[in-house]
Amino acid sequence: MPQFLKEIYGVGILFFYYVKYIILIGWPVLLYGLDYKPNIIMDILWVYCLALMSKDIIFKFVLKKSHCDNGSCSSKK
């Protein structure tokens, strides 16, 4: 069972890493531009993607943190 949960977690990370931009921009375009019907599941996914994008912006520009802060990246010396 723990292996299954790890796989689901990995799929979730990959899904939201690549799809958050598409959902964040595409859902309002579909909803307001193309007159799609409102969908509560897509609304929840859109809010979640907005939170992920806000976290990325805060970490990158406000806190100025990156994955290489601990000195483990090969380009930093």
N, C-alpha and C. Protein backbone atom coordinates (compact mmCIF):
# COMPACT_ATOMS: atom_id res chain seq x y z
N MET A 1 0.80 -1.21 0.00
CA MET A 1 0.00 0.00 0.00
C MET A 1 0.85 1.28 0.00
N PRO A 2 1.94 1.35 0.77
CA PRO A 2 2.75 2.58 0.73
C PRO A 2 3.33 2.87 -0.66
N GLN A 3 3.67 1.85 -1.42
CA GLN A 3 4.19 2.06 -2.77
C GLN A 3 3.13 2.69 -3.66
N PHE A 4 1.89 2.26 -3.51
CA PHE A 4 0.78 2.83 -4.28
C PHE A 4 0.59 4.30 -3.93
N LEU A 5 0.68 4.64 -2.66
CA LEU A 5 0.54 6.04 -2.24
C LEU A 5 1.69 6.91 -2.77
N LYS A 6 2.90 6.35 -2.81
CA LYS A 6 4.03 7.08 -3.37
C LYS A 6 3.83 7.34 -4.87
N GLU A 7 3.28 6.37 -5.57
CA GLU A 7 3.03 6.55 -7.00
C GLU A 7 1.95 7.60 -7.24
N ILE A 8 0.90 7.59 -6.45
CA ILE A 8 -0.15 8.59 -6.58
C ILE A 8 0.40 9.98 -6.27
N TYR A 9 1.24 10.09 -5.24
CA TYR A 9 1.86 11.36 -4.89
C TYR A 9 2.75 11.86 -6.03
N GLY A 10 3.52 10.98 -6.63
CA GLY A 10 4.39 11.36 -7.75
C GLY A 10 3.59 11.80 -8.96
N VAL A 11 2.52 11.11 -9.25
CA VAL A 11 1.67 11.49 -10.37
C VAL A 11 1.04 12.86 -10.11
N GLY A 12 0.63 13.11 -8.87
CA GLY A 12 0.05 14.41 -8.52
C GLY A 12 1.05 15.54 -8.69
N ILE A 13 2.28 15.31 -8.28
CA ILE A 13 3.32 16.33 -8.43
C ILE A 13 3.56 16.64 -9.90
N LEU A 14 3.73 15.61 -10.71
CA LEU A 14 3.96 15.82 -12.14
C LEU A 14 2.77 16.49 -12.82
N PHE A 15 1.57 16.05 -12.46
CA PHE A 15 0.37 16.61 -13.05
C PHE A 15 0.28 18.11 -12.78
N PHE A 16 0.41 18.49 -11.52
CA PHE A 16 0.25 19.90 -11.20
C PHE A 16 1.46 20.73 -11.59
N TYR A 17 2.64 20.12 -11.76
CA TYR A 17 3.80 20.88 -12.20
C TYR A 17 3.62 21.34 -13.65
N TYR A 18 3.06 20.48 -14.48
CA TYR A 18 2.91 20.82 -15.89
C TYR A 18 1.56 21.39 -16.25
N VAL A 19 0.52 21.07 -15.52
CA VAL A 19 -0.83 21.42 -15.92
C VAL A 19 -1.35 22.67 -15.20
N LYS A 20 -0.66 23.14 -14.14
CA LYS A 20 -1.20 24.26 -13.38
C LYS A 20 -1.31 25.53 -14.23
N TYR A 21 -0.39 25.74 -15.14
CA TYR A 21 -0.46 26.94 -15.99
C TYR A 21 -1.63 26.84 -16.96
N ILE A 22 -1.84 25.66 -17.50
CA ILE A 22 -2.93 25.46 -18.45
C ILE A 22 -4.27 25.65 -17.76
N ILE A 23 -4.43 25.08 -16.57
CA ILE A 23 -5.68 25.23 -15.84
C ILE A 23 -5.88 26.67 -15.40
N LEU A 24 -4.81 27.30 -14.92
CA LEU A 24 -4.91 28.66 -14.41
C LEU A 24 -5.34 29.65 -15.49
N ILE A 25 -4.86 29.49 -16.69
CA ILE A 25 -5.20 30.39 -17.79
C ILE A 25 -6.40 29.88 -18.59
N GLY A 26 -6.44 28.57 -18.80
CA GLY A 26 -7.44 28.01 -19.70
C GLY A 26 -8.85 27.95 -19.14
N TRP A 27 -9.01 27.70 -17.85
CA TRP A 27 -10.36 27.57 -17.31
C TRP A 27 -11.15 28.87 -17.38
N PRO A 28 -10.57 30.04 -17.02
CA PRO A 28 -11.35 31.27 -17.21
C PRO A 28 -11.67 31.56 -18.68
N VAL A 29 -10.75 31.21 -19.58
CA VAL A 29 -11.01 31.42 -21.00
C VAL A 29 -12.18 30.54 -21.44
N LEU A 30 -12.19 29.29 -21.03
CA LEU A 30 -13.29 28.41 -21.39
C LEU A 30 -14.60 28.85 -20.74
N LEU A 31 -14.52 29.29 -19.50
CA LEU A 31 -15.72 29.64 -18.74
C LEU A 31 -16.36 30.92 -19.25
N TYR A 32 -15.55 31.95 -19.47
CA TYR A 32 -16.10 33.25 -19.85
C TYR A 32 -16.03 33.52 -21.35
N GLY A 33 -15.01 33.02 -22.02
CA GLY A 33 -14.86 33.29 -23.43
C GLY A 33 -15.66 32.37 -24.32
N LEU A 34 -15.75 31.10 -23.93
CA LEU A 34 -16.43 30.12 -24.76
C LEU A 34 -17.74 29.61 -24.15
N ASP A 35 -18.18 30.24 -23.08
CA ASP A 35 -19.46 29.95 -22.43
C ASP A 35 -19.63 28.50 -22.00
N TYR A 36 -18.57 27.93 -21.41
CA TYR A 36 -18.70 26.59 -20.82
C TYR A 36 -19.53 26.69 -19.56
N LYS A 37 -20.14 25.58 -19.18
CA LYS A 37 -20.93 25.53 -17.96
C LYS A 37 -19.99 25.51 -16.75
N PRO A 38 -20.35 26.18 -15.67
CA PRO A 38 -19.52 26.11 -14.45
C PRO A 38 -19.43 24.68 -13.92
N ASN A 39 -18.27 24.33 -13.42
CA ASN A 39 -18.00 22.99 -12.92
C ASN A 39 -17.27 23.13 -11.59
N ILE A 40 -17.84 22.60 -10.52
CA ILE A 40 -17.27 22.78 -9.19
C ILE A 40 -15.90 22.11 -9.07
N ILE A 41 -15.68 20.99 -9.73
CA ILE A 41 -14.39 20.31 -9.65
C ILE A 41 -13.31 21.15 -10.33
N MET A 42 -13.61 21.71 -11.48
CA MET A 42 -12.63 22.58 -12.15
C MET A 42 -12.41 23.86 -11.37
N ASP A 43 -13.44 24.36 -10.70
CA ASP A 43 -13.26 25.55 -9.86
C ASP A 43 -12.30 25.26 -8.71
N ILE A 44 -12.44 24.09 -8.09
CA ILE A 44 -11.55 23.71 -7.00
C ILE A 44 -10.13 23.51 -7.51
N LEU A 45 -9.98 22.85 -8.67
CA LEU A 45 -8.64 22.69 -9.27
C LEU A 45 -8.03 24.04 -9.62
N TRP A 46 -8.84 24.98 -10.09
CA TRP A 46 -8.34 26.30 -10.44
C TRP A 46 -7.83 27.03 -9.20
N VAL A 47 -8.57 26.96 -8.11
CA VAL A 47 -8.14 27.60 -6.86
C VAL A 47 -6.86 26.95 -6.35
N TYR A 48 -6.76 25.63 -6.45
CA TYR A 48 -5.56 24.92 -6.03
C TYR A 48 -4.35 25.33 -6.89
N CYS A 49 -4.55 25.44 -8.19
CA CYS A 49 -3.47 25.87 -9.08
C CYS A 49 -3.08 27.32 -8.80
N LEU A 50 -4.04 28.16 -8.47
CA LEU A 50 -3.74 29.54 -8.10
C LEU A 50 -2.90 29.58 -6.83
N ALA A 51 -3.21 28.73 -5.86
CA ALA A 51 -2.42 28.66 -4.64
C ALA A 51 -1.00 28.18 -4.93
N LEU A 52 -0.86 27.18 -5.79
CA LEU A 52 0.48 26.69 -6.16
C LEU A 52 1.28 27.76 -6.88
N MET A 53 0.64 28.50 -7.77
CA MET A 53 1.33 29.56 -8.50
C MET A 53 1.73 30.69 -7.56
N SER A 54 0.86 31.03 -6.62
CA SER A 54 1.18 32.06 -5.63
C SER A 54 2.37 31.63 -4.78
N LYS A 55 2.40 30.36 -4.38
CA LYS A 55 3.53 29.85 -3.61
C LYS A 55 4.82 29.95 -4.41
N ASP A 56 4.76 29.61 -5.69
CA ASP A 56 5.96 29.70 -6.54
C ASP A 56 6.46 31.13 -6.64
N ILE A 57 5.55 32.07 -6.82
CA ILE A 57 5.93 33.48 -6.93
C ILE A 57 6.52 34.00 -5.62
N ILE A 58 5.90 33.64 -4.50
CA ILE A 58 6.40 34.09 -3.20
C ILE A 58 7.78 33.52 -2.93
N PHE A 59 7.98 32.24 -3.19
CA PHE A 59 9.29 31.64 -2.94
C PHE A 59 10.36 32.21 -3.85
N LYS A 60 10.01 32.48 -5.11
CA LYS A 60 11.03 32.92 -6.06
C LYS A 60 11.38 34.40 -5.91
N PHE A 61 10.38 35.25 -5.75
CA PHE A 61 10.64 36.68 -5.80
C PHE A 61 10.63 37.36 -4.43
N VAL A 62 9.81 36.90 -3.51
CA VAL A 62 9.73 37.55 -2.21
C VAL A 62 10.77 36.98 -1.25
N LEU A 63 10.77 35.68 -1.08
CA LEU A 63 11.71 35.05 -0.16
C LEU A 63 13.06 34.76 -0.81
N LYS A 64 13.11 34.80 -2.14
CA LYS A 64 14.32 34.55 -2.94
C LYS A 64 14.98 33.22 -2.57
N LYS A 65 14.15 32.20 -2.41
CA LYS A 65 14.66 30.87 -2.13
C LYS A 65 14.63 30.05 -3.42
N SER A 66 15.55 29.12 -3.50
CA SER A 66 15.56 28.18 -4.62
C SER A 66 15.95 26.82 -4.10
N HIS A 67 15.98 25.85 -4.98
CA HIS A 67 16.35 24.51 -4.57
C HIS A 67 17.85 24.39 -4.34
N CYS A 68 18.63 25.38 -4.74
CA CYS A 68 20.08 25.31 -4.63
C CYS A 68 20.61 26.11 -3.43
N ASP A 69 19.76 26.51 -2.51
CA ASP A 69 20.20 27.31 -1.38
C ASP A 69 21.15 26.57 -0.46
N ASN A 70 21.06 25.26 -0.41
CA ASN A 70 21.90 24.51 0.52
C ASN A 70 23.27 24.20 -0.05
N GLY A 71 23.59 24.67 -1.24
CA GLY A 71 24.90 24.47 -1.83
C GLY A 71 25.08 23.12 -2.52
N SER A 72 24.01 22.43 -2.78
CA SER A 72 24.14 21.10 -3.38
C SER A 72 24.18 21.14 -4.92
N CYS A 73 23.89 22.27 -5.51
CA CYS A 73 23.89 22.36 -6.97
C CYS A 73 25.33 22.45 -7.48
N SER A 74 25.57 21.84 -8.62
CA SER A 74 26.94 21.80 -9.14
C SER A 74 27.40 23.13 -9.70
N SER A 75 26.48 24.02 -10.07
CA SER A 75 26.88 25.29 -10.66
C SER A 75 27.32 26.30 -9.60
N LYS A 76 26.93 26.08 -8.36
CA LYS A 76 27.35 26.98 -7.28
C LYS A 76 28.65 26.47 -6.68
N LYS A 77 29.55 27.40 -6.38
CA LYS A 77 30.83 27.00 -5.75
C LYS A 77 31.09 27.86 -4.55
